[in-house]
């Protein structure tokens, strides 16, 4: 559980509620289903228009990482690197087959298979770099779902405000309908700007950090696979591990 994310969400909501109370306003005045529908449905409609459904689905699934981020696998990768190193030094590259069979990460299994197959070191590194680039591109496109939502929601909030004012102008002769129309107008703007800056942008930035960490680990693993394939790896393995274990999120 990422308690900093939970605390951030609660503080963001508390700031709005406390600020509204200190101004003497009622919390109920911020609850406008029409404004919420305009901003949220409109925002994700615009995002869907520019995004492939599979990418949108991936971006939404990533949302769980805000509360429950992926496990930090650096320690496990460090242990794996040390085991690969010992295995190759004692029994040669072909002995890595048992590690490949036990690997749960497809990227790690692919790197080990290339070493076992005897692929040339430079070609191996090129193929792994291509794999990393494809992975990073797909993940960052999914993260951009939230960046796009942050970009669209303030503008759609303004559209909601204009719609609310149109409703007001249409009912100038009926004072009872003026209040709800004005409320929708102003609250739509609050929803648009608030969702963008309190939720969508922070979500996108946190997900980018997680993706960066994952790519960093893959790059370290690719470098290790290249070192093993060249046969000259024992002297720099400790440096690879030290780089891996540095804080990067």
C-alpha atoms as a PDB file:
ATOM      1  CA  UNK A   1       0.000   0.000   0.000  1.00  0.00           C
ATOM      2  CA  UNK A   2       1.388   3.390  -1.002  1.00  0.00           C
ATOM      3  CA  UNK A   3       0.283   5.503   1.945  1.00  0.00           C
ATOM      4  CA  UNK A   4       1.702   8.698   0.445  1.00  0.00           C
ATOM      5  CA  UNK A   5      -0.834   8.422  -2.379  1.00  0.00           C
ATOM      6  CA  UNK A   6      -3.664   7.808   0.073  1.00  0.00           C
ATOM      7  CA  UNK A   7      -2.547  10.796   2.159  1.00  0.00           C
ATOM      8  CA  UNK A   8      -2.247  12.958  -0.949  1.00  0.00           C
ATOM      9  CA  UNK A   9      -5.787  12.148  -2.092  1.00  0.00           C
ATOM     10  CA  UNK A  10      -7.207  12.802   1.370  1.00  0.00           C
ATOM     11  CA  UNK A  11      -5.309  16.092   1.726  1.00  0.00           C
ATOM     12  CA  UNK A  12      -6.487  17.257  -1.683  1.00  0.00           C
ATOM     13  CA  UNK A  13     -10.110  16.569  -0.790  1.00  0.00           C
ATOM     14  CA  UNK A  14      -9.677  17.998   2.700  1.00  0.00           C
ATOM     15  CA  UNK A  15      -8.263  21.198   1.275  1.00  0.00           C
ATOM     16  CA  UNK A  16     -11.379  21.726  -0.812  1.00  0.00           C
ATOM     17  CA  UNK A  17     -13.763  20.868   2.008  1.00  0.00           C
ATOM     18  CA  UNK A  18     -11.972  22.976   4.632  1.00  0.00           C
ATOM     19  CA  UNK A  19     -11.593  25.903   2.268  1.00  0.00           C
ATOM     20  CA  UNK A  20     -15.269  25.792   1.404  1.00  0.00           C
ATOM     21  CA  UNK A  21     -16.195  25.657   5.101  1.00  0.00           C
ATOM     22  CA  UNK A  22     -13.915  28.548   6.042  1.00  0.00           C
ATOM     23  CA  UNK A  23     -15.577  30.677   3.374  1.00  0.00           C
ATOM     24  CA  UNK A  24     -18.930  29.908   4.943  1.00  0.00           C
ATOM     25  CA  UNK A  25     -20.109  27.782   2.056  1.00  0.00           C
ATOM     26  CA  UNK A  26     -21.938  24.488   2.183  1.00  0.00           C
ATOM     27  CA  UNK A  27     -20.378  21.256   1.008  1.00  0.00           C
ATOM     28  CA  UNK A  28     -23.585  20.390  -0.784  1.00  0.00           C
ATOM     29  CA  UNK A  29     -23.076  23.345  -3.114  1.00  0.00           C
ATOM     30  CA  UNK A  30     -20.048  21.546  -4.585  1.00  0.00           C
ATOM     31  CA  UNK A  31     -22.081  18.439  -5.362  1.00  0.00           C
ATOM     32  CA  UNK A  32     -23.479  19.026  -8.833  1.00  0.00           C
ATOM     33  CA  UNK A  33     -24.171  15.810 -10.778  1.00  0.00           C
ATOM     34  CA  UNK A  34     -24.745  17.723 -14.019  1.00  0.00           C
ATOM     35  CA  UNK A  35     -21.368  19.460 -13.783  1.00  0.00           C
ATOM     36  CA  UNK A  36     -19.636  16.216 -12.858  1.00  0.00           C
ATOM     37  CA  UNK A  37     -21.196  14.413 -15.822  1.00  0.00           C
ATOM     38  CA  UNK A  38     -20.180  17.156 -18.243  1.00  0.00           C
ATOM     39  CA  UNK A  39     -16.568  17.242 -17.092  1.00  0.00           C
ATOM     40  CA  UNK A  40     -15.861  13.553 -16.459  1.00  0.00           C
ATOM     41  CA  UNK A  41     -17.791  12.051 -19.369  1.00  0.00           C
ATOM     42  CA  UNK A  42     -16.647  14.778 -21.727  1.00  0.00           C
ATOM     43  CA  UNK A  43     -13.015  14.418 -20.672  1.00  0.00           C
ATOM     44  CA  UNK A  44     -12.852  10.673 -21.139  1.00  0.00           C
ATOM     45  CA  UNK A  45     -14.784  10.940 -24.383  1.00  0.00           C
ATOM     46  CA  UNK A  46     -12.082  13.282 -25.704  1.00  0.00           C
ATOM     47  CA  UNK A  47      -9.346  10.967 -24.419  1.00  0.00           C
ATOM     48  CA  UNK A  48     -10.972   7.961 -26.090  1.00  0.00           C
ATOM     49  CA  UNK A  49     -11.198   9.896 -29.355  1.00  0.00           C
ATOM     50  CA  UNK A  50      -7.400  10.251 -29.494  1.00  0.00           C
ATOM     51  CA  UNK A  51      -6.456   6.912 -27.905  1.00  0.00           C
ATOM     52  CA  UNK A  52      -6.746   3.313 -28.995  1.00  0.00           C
ATOM     53  CA  UNK A  53      -9.130   1.327 -26.767  1.00  0.00           C
ATOM     54  CA  UNK A  54      -6.356  -1.079 -25.737  1.00  0.00           C
ATOM     55  CA  UNK A  55      -4.149   1.834 -24.651  1.00  0.00           C
ATOM     56  CA  UNK A  56      -7.004   3.447 -22.743  1.00  0.00           C
ATOM     57  CA  UNK A  57      -7.742   0.158 -21.000  1.00  0.00           C
ATOM     58  CA  UNK A  58      -4.071  -0.203 -20.082  1.00  0.00           C
ATOM     59  CA  UNK A  59      -3.989   3.337 -18.719  1.00  0.00           C
ATOM     60  CA  UNK A  60      -7.041   2.697 -16.558  1.00  0.00           C
ATOM     61  CA  UNK A  61      -5.572  -0.580 -15.267  1.00  0.00           C
ATOM     62  CA  UNK A  62      -2.410   1.306 -14.306  1.00  0.00           C
ATOM     63  CA  UNK A  63      -4.512   3.391 -11.928  1.00  0.00           C
ATOM     64  CA  UNK A  64      -4.238   0.664  -9.293  1.00  0.00           C
ATOM     65  CA  UNK A  65      -0.506   1.390  -9.081  1.00  0.00           C
ATOM     66  CA  UNK A  66      -1.304   4.683  -7.378  1.00  0.00           C
ATOM     67  CA  UNK A  67      -2.492   2.818  -4.286  1.00  0.00           C
ATOM     68  CA  UNK A  68      -0.717  -0.497  -4.795  1.00  0.00           C
ATOM     69  CA  UNK A  69       2.423   0.089  -6.864  1.00  0.00           C
ATOM     70  CA  UNK A  70       4.337  -2.850  -8.372  1.00  0.00           C
ATOM     71  CA  UNK A  71       6.639  -4.583  -5.934  1.00  0.00           C
ATOM     72  CA  UNK A  72      10.192  -3.289  -5.844  1.00  0.00           C
ATOM     73  CA  UNK A  73      12.003  -6.094  -7.648  1.00  0.00           C
ATOM     74  CA  UNK A  74      15.507  -4.644  -7.434  1.00  0.00           C
ATOM     75  CA  UNK A  75      16.531  -6.970  -4.607  1.00  0.00           C
ATOM     76  CA  UNK A  76      15.239 -10.000  -6.530  1.00  0.00           C
ATOM     77  CA  UNK A  77      17.046  -8.870  -9.689  1.00  0.00           C
ATOM     78  CA  UNK A  78      20.244  -8.347  -7.696  1.00  0.00           C
ATOM     79  CA  UNK A  79      20.000 -11.918  -6.432  1.00  0.00           C
ATOM     80  CA  UNK A  80      19.315 -13.200  -9.950  1.00  0.00           C
ATOM     81  CA  UNK A  81      22.336 -11.359 -11.364  1.00  0.00           C
ATOM     82  CA  UNK A  82      24.574 -12.856  -8.706  1.00  0.00           C
ATOM     83  CA  UNK A  83      23.216 -16.339  -9.433  1.00  0.00           C
ATOM     84  CA  UNK A  84      23.685 -15.905 -13.195  1.00  0.00           C
ATOM     85  CA  UNK A  85      27.228 -14.751 -12.574  1.00  0.00           C
ATOM     86  CA  UNK A  86      28.075 -17.758 -10.396  1.00  0.00           C
ATOM     87  CA  UNK A  87      26.394 -20.231 -12.747  1.00  0.00           C
ATOM     88  CA  UNK A  88      28.258 -19.011 -15.831  1.00  0.00           C
ATOM     89  CA  UNK A  89      31.595 -18.938 -14.047  1.00  0.00           C
ATOM     90  CA  UNK A  90      31.167 -22.489 -12.772  1.00  0.00           C
ATOM     91  CA  UNK A  91      29.368 -24.279 -15.592  1.00  0.00           C
ATOM     92  CA  UNK A  92      29.248 -21.985 -18.620  1.00  0.00           C
ATOM     93  CA  UNK A  93      26.382 -20.168 -20.400  1.00  0.00           C
ATOM     94  CA  UNK A  94      24.431 -23.326 -21.219  1.00  0.00           C
ATOM     95  CA  UNK A  95      23.864 -23.887 -17.506  1.00  0.00           C
ATOM     96  CA  UNK A  96      21.623 -20.801 -17.493  1.00  0.00           C
ATOM     97  CA  UNK A  97      18.830 -22.928 -18.915  1.00  0.00           C
ATOM     98  CA  UNK A  98      17.480 -23.757 -15.462  1.00  0.00           C
ATOM     99  CA  UNK A  99      17.328 -20.054 -14.609  1.00  0.00           C
ATOM    100  CA  UNK A 100      15.486 -19.387 -17.869  1.00  0.00           C
ATOM    101  CA  UNK A 101      12.926 -22.062 -17.026  1.00  0.00           C
ATOM    102  CA  UNK A 102      12.357 -20.514 -13.591  1.00  0.00           C
ATOM    103  CA  UNK A 103      12.117 -16.909 -14.828  1.00  0.00           C
ATOM    104  CA  UNK A 104       8.681 -15.302 -14.432  1.00  0.00           C
ATOM    105  CA  UNK A 105       9.582 -12.097 -16.284  1.00  0.00           C
ATOM    106  CA  UNK A 106       9.385 -12.605 -20.084  1.00  0.00           C
ATOM    107  CA  UNK A 107      12.139 -10.032 -20.645  1.00  0.00           C
ATOM    108  CA  UNK A 108      14.559 -11.860 -18.326  1.00  0.00           C
ATOM    109  CA  UNK A 109      13.676 -15.214 -19.882  1.00  0.00           C
ATOM    110  CA  UNK A 110      14.288 -13.800 -23.355  1.00  0.00           C
ATOM    111  CA  UNK A 111      17.705 -12.429 -22.391  1.00  0.00           C
ATOM    112  CA  UNK A 112      18.783 -15.746 -20.884  1.00  0.00           C
ATOM    113  CA  UNK A 113      17.536 -17.648 -23.924  1.00  0.00           C
ATOM    114  CA  UNK A 114      19.621 -15.442 -26.221  1.00  0.00           C
ATOM    115  CA  UNK A 115      22.742 -16.162 -24.182  1.00  0.00           C
ATOM    116  CA  UNK A 116      22.034 -19.918 -24.263  1.00  0.00           C
ATOM    117  CA  UNK A 117      21.428 -19.751 -28.030  1.00  0.00           C
ATOM    118  CA  UNK A 118      24.844 -18.141 -28.482  1.00  0.00           C
ATOM    119  CA  UNK A 119      23.632 -14.930 -30.113  1.00  0.00           C
ATOM    120  CA  UNK A 120      26.456 -12.462 -30.681  1.00  0.00           C
ATOM    121  CA  UNK A 121      26.763  -9.925 -27.831  1.00  0.00           C
ATOM    122  CA  UNK A 122      26.175  -6.820 -29.962  1.00  0.00           C
ATOM    123  CA  UNK A 123      23.182  -8.394 -31.695  1.00  0.00           C
ATOM    124  CA  UNK A 124      21.831  -9.540 -28.326  1.00  0.00           C
ATOM    125  CA  UNK A 125      22.067  -6.009 -26.920  1.00  0.00           C
ATOM    126  CA  UNK A 126      20.412  -4.565 -30.028  1.00  0.00           C
ATOM    127  CA  UNK A 127      17.474  -6.964 -29.761  1.00  0.00           C
ATOM    128  CA  UNK A 128      17.033  -6.312 -26.047  1.00  0.00           C
ATOM    129  CA  UNK A 129      17.208  -2.549 -26.566  1.00  0.00           C
ATOM    130  CA  UNK A 130      14.468  -2.862 -29.180  1.00  0.00           C
ATOM    131  CA  UNK A 131      12.391  -4.828 -26.673  1.00  0.00           C
ATOM    132  CA  UNK A 132      12.932  -2.164 -24.013  1.00  0.00           C
ATOM    133  CA  UNK A 133      11.988   0.627 -26.405  1.00  0.00           C
ATOM    134  CA  UNK A 134       8.762  -1.143 -27.397  1.00  0.00           C
ATOM    135  CA  UNK A 135       7.868  -1.737 -23.744  1.00  0.00           C
ATOM    136  CA  UNK A 136       8.607   1.854 -22.748  1.00  0.00           C
ATOM    137  CA  UNK A 137       6.662   3.284 -25.679  1.00  0.00           C
ATOM    138  CA  UNK A 138       3.572   1.201 -24.899  1.00  0.00           C
ATOM    139  CA  UNK A 139       3.675   2.041 -21.185  1.00  0.00           C
ATOM    140  CA  UNK A 140       4.202   5.758 -21.721  1.00  0.00           C
ATOM    141  CA  UNK A 141       1.342   5.879 -24.217  1.00  0.00           C
ATOM    142  CA  UNK A 142      -0.881   4.389 -21.515  1.00  0.00           C
ATOM    143  CA  UNK A 143       0.345   6.980 -19.001  1.00  0.00           C
ATOM    144  CA  UNK A 144      -0.487   9.745 -21.475  1.00  0.00           C
ATOM    145  CA  UNK A 145      -4.148   8.837 -20.983  1.00  0.00           C
ATOM    146  CA  UNK A 146      -3.960  10.698 -17.666  1.00  0.00           C
ATOM    147  CA  UNK A 147      -1.870  13.540 -19.056  1.00  0.00           C
ATOM    148  CA  UNK A 148      -4.460  14.002 -21.798  1.00  0.00           C
ATOM    149  CA  UNK A 149      -7.283  13.933 -19.260  1.00  0.00           C
ATOM    150  CA  UNK A 150      -5.489  16.647 -17.293  1.00  0.00           C
ATOM    151  CA  UNK A 151      -5.188  18.733 -20.435  1.00  0.00           C
ATOM    152  CA  UNK A 152      -8.801  18.391 -21.536  1.00  0.00           C
ATOM    153  CA  UNK A 153     -10.706  18.614 -18.241  1.00  0.00           C
ATOM    154  CA  UNK A 154     -10.169  22.362 -17.533  1.00  0.00           C
ATOM    155  CA  UNK A 155     -11.397  23.286 -21.015  1.00  0.00           C
ATOM    156  CA  UNK A 156     -14.393  20.983 -20.738  1.00  0.00           C
ATOM    157  CA  UNK A 157     -15.060  22.557 -17.341  1.00  0.00           C
ATOM    158  CA  UNK A 158     -15.293  25.899 -19.121  1.00  0.00           C
ATOM    159  CA  UNK A 159     -17.718  24.345 -21.616  1.00  0.00           C
ATOM    160  CA  UNK A 160     -19.810  23.221 -18.650  1.00  0.00           C
ATOM    161  CA  UNK A 161     -19.727  26.764 -17.322  1.00  0.00           C
ATOM    162  CA  UNK A 162     -20.949  28.119 -20.641  1.00  0.00           C
ATOM    163  CA  UNK A 163     -23.744  25.538 -20.749  1.00  0.00           C
ATOM    164  CA  UNK A 164     -24.770  26.565 -17.238  1.00  0.00           C
ATOM    165  CA  UNK A 165     -24.853  30.227 -18.219  1.00  0.00           C
ATOM    166  CA  UNK A 166     -26.932  29.399 -21.290  1.00  0.00           C
ATOM    167  CA  UNK A 167     -29.392  27.684 -18.988  1.00  0.00           C
ATOM    168  CA  UNK A 168     -29.447  30.813 -16.811  1.00  0.00           C
ATOM    169  CA  UNK A 169     -30.092  33.093 -19.769  1.00  0.00           C
ATOM    170  CA  UNK A 170     -32.940  30.880 -20.940  1.00  0.00           C
ATOM    171  CA  UNK A 171     -34.660  31.153 -17.567  1.00  0.00           C
ATOM    172  CA  UNK A 172     -34.228  34.806 -16.625  1.00  0.00           C
ATOM    173  CA  UNK A 173     -37.973  35.057 -16.203  1.00  0.00           C
ATOM    174  CA  UNK A 174     -37.968  32.221 -13.662  1.00  0.00           C
ATOM    175  CA  UNK A 175     -35.773  33.175 -10.661  1.00  0.00           C
ATOM    176  CA  UNK A 176     -36.146  29.695  -9.155  1.00  0.00           C
ATOM    177  CA  UNK A 177     -34.079  28.226 -11.981  1.00  0.00           C
ATOM    178  CA  UNK A 178     -31.305  30.809 -11.913  1.00  0.00           C
ATOM    179  CA  UNK A 179     -29.522  29.379  -8.870  1.00  0.00           C
ATOM    180  CA  UNK A 180     -29.025  25.822 -10.200  1.00  0.00           C
ATOM    181  CA  UNK A 181     -27.846  27.137 -13.555  1.00  0.00           C
ATOM    182  CA  UNK A 182     -25.260  29.435 -11.984  1.00  0.00           C
ATOM    183  CA  UNK A 183     -24.125  26.619  -9.663  1.00  0.00           C
ATOM    184  CA  UNK A 184     -23.524  24.299 -12.601  1.00  0.00           C
ATOM    185  CA  UNK A 185     -21.599  27.053 -14.363  1.00  0.00           C
ATOM    186  CA  UNK A 186     -19.135  27.682 -11.545  1.00  0.00           C
ATOM    187  CA  UNK A 187     -18.875  24.138 -10.210  1.00  0.00           C
ATOM    188  CA  UNK A 188     -18.071  22.804 -13.695  1.00  0.00           C
ATOM    189  CA  UNK A 189     -14.986  24.997 -13.736  1.00  0.00           C
ATOM    190  CA  UNK A 190     -14.010  23.790 -10.261  1.00  0.00           C
ATOM    191  CA  UNK A 191     -14.381  20.169 -11.330  1.00  0.00           C
ATOM    192  CA  UNK A 192     -12.353  20.683 -14.498  1.00  0.00           C
ATOM    193  CA  UNK A 193      -9.457  22.534 -12.898  1.00  0.00           C
ATOM    194  CA  UNK A 194      -9.562  20.515  -9.677  1.00  0.00           C
ATOM    195  CA  UNK A 195      -9.517  17.104 -11.350  1.00  0.00           C
ATOM    196  CA  UNK A 196      -6.663  18.166 -13.631  1.00  0.00           C
ATOM    197  CA  UNK A 197      -4.363  19.594 -10.967  1.00  0.00           C
ATOM    198  CA  UNK A 198      -5.284  17.556  -7.894  1.00  0.00           C
ATOM    199  CA  UNK A 199      -5.671  14.145  -9.528  1.00  0.00           C
ATOM    200  CA  UNK A 200      -4.932  13.679 -13.230  1.00  0.00           C
ATOM    201  CA  UNK A 201      -1.523  15.395 -13.393  1.00  0.00           C
ATOM    202  CA  UNK A 202      -0.261  13.824 -10.128  1.00  0.00           C
ATOM    203  CA  UNK A 203      -1.470  10.397 -11.280  1.00  0.00           C
ATOM    204  CA  UNK A 204       0.347  10.782 -14.610  1.00  0.00           C
ATOM    205  CA  UNK A 205       3.584  11.886 -12.942  1.00  0.00           C
ATOM    206  CA  UNK A 206       3.536   9.029 -10.436  1.00  0.00           C
ATOM    207  CA  UNK A 207       2.892   6.470 -13.167  1.00  0.00           C
ATOM    208  CA  UNK A 208       5.745   7.921 -15.227  1.00  0.00           C
ATOM    209  CA  UNK A 209       8.085   7.419 -12.281  1.00  0.00           C
ATOM    210  CA  UNK A 210       7.003   3.787 -11.963  1.00  0.00           C
ATOM    211  CA  UNK A 211       7.526   3.161 -15.683  1.00  0.00           C
ATOM    212  CA  UNK A 212      10.936   4.851 -15.526  1.00  0.00           C
ATOM    213  CA  UNK A 213      11.947   2.522 -12.688  1.00  0.00           C
ATOM    214  CA  UNK A 214      10.823  -0.545 -14.642  1.00  0.00           C
ATOM    215  CA  UNK A 215      12.702   0.555 -17.762  1.00  0.00           C
ATOM    216  CA  UNK A 216      15.799   1.262 -15.658  1.00  0.00           C
ATOM    217  CA  UNK A 217      15.778  -2.296 -14.348  1.00  0.00           C
ATOM    218  CA  UNK A 218      15.396  -3.717 -17.833  1.00  0.00           C
ATOM    219  CA  UNK A 219      18.327  -1.615 -19.045  1.00  0.00           C
ATOM    220  CA  UNK A 220      20.503  -2.928 -16.215  1.00  0.00           C
ATOM    221  CA  UNK A 221      19.478  -6.507 -17.020  1.00  0.00           C
ATOM    222  CA  UNK A 222      20.207  -5.957 -20.726  1.00  0.00           C
ATOM    223  CA  UNK A 223      23.684  -4.669 -19.850  1.00  0.00           C
ATOM    224  CA  UNK A 224      24.278  -7.712 -17.639  1.00  0.00           C
ATOM    225  CA  UNK A 225      23.174 -10.086 -20.409  1.00  0.00           C
ATOM    226  CA  UNK A 226      25.563  -8.344 -22.803  1.00  0.00           C
ATOM    227  CA  UNK A 227      28.403  -8.630 -20.290  1.00  0.00           C
ATOM    228  CA  UNK A 228      27.739 -12.338 -19.792  1.00  0.00           C
ATOM    229  CA  UNK A 229      27.608 -12.911 -23.546  1.00  0.00           C
ATOM    230  CA  UNK A 230      31.000 -11.233 -24.009  1.00  0.00           C
ATOM    231  CA  UNK A 231      32.524 -13.427 -21.293  1.00  0.00           C
ATOM    232  CA  UNK A 232      34.108 -10.421 -19.583  1.00  0.00           C
ATOM    233  CA  UNK A 233      31.654  -9.559 -16.874  1.00  0.00           C
ATOM    234  CA  UNK A 234      32.976 -10.467 -13.440  1.00  0.00           C
ATOM    235  CA  UNK A 235      34.884  -7.201 -12.965  1.00  0.00           C
ATOM    236  CA  UNK A 236      31.935  -4.930 -13.631  1.00  0.00           C
ATOM    237  CA  UNK A 237      29.107  -6.981 -12.153  1.00  0.00           C
ATOM    238  CA  UNK A 238      29.399  -5.269  -8.769  1.00  0.00           C
ATOM    239  CA  UNK A 239      29.070  -1.892 -10.466  1.00  0.00           C
ATOM    240  CA  UNK A 240      25.960  -3.048 -12.310  1.00  0.00           C
ATOM    241  CA  UNK A 241      24.434  -4.171  -9.010  1.00  0.00           C
ATOM    242  CA  UNK A 242      25.368  -0.893  -7.294  1.00  0.00           C
ATOM    243  CA  UNK A 243      23.701   1.054 -10.098  1.00  0.00           C
ATOM    244  CA  UNK A 244      20.611  -1.124  -9.838  1.00  0.00           C
ATOM    245  CA  UNK A 245      20.225  -0.590  -6.118  1.00  0.00           C
ATOM    246  CA  UNK A 246      20.433   3.196  -6.235  1.00  0.00           C
ATOM    247  CA  UNK A 247      17.181   4.982  -5.506  1.00  0.00           C
ATOM    248  CA  UNK A 248      15.575   6.044  -8.792  1.00  0.00           C
ATOM    249  CA  UNK A 249      11.904   6.642  -8.039  1.00  0.00           C
END
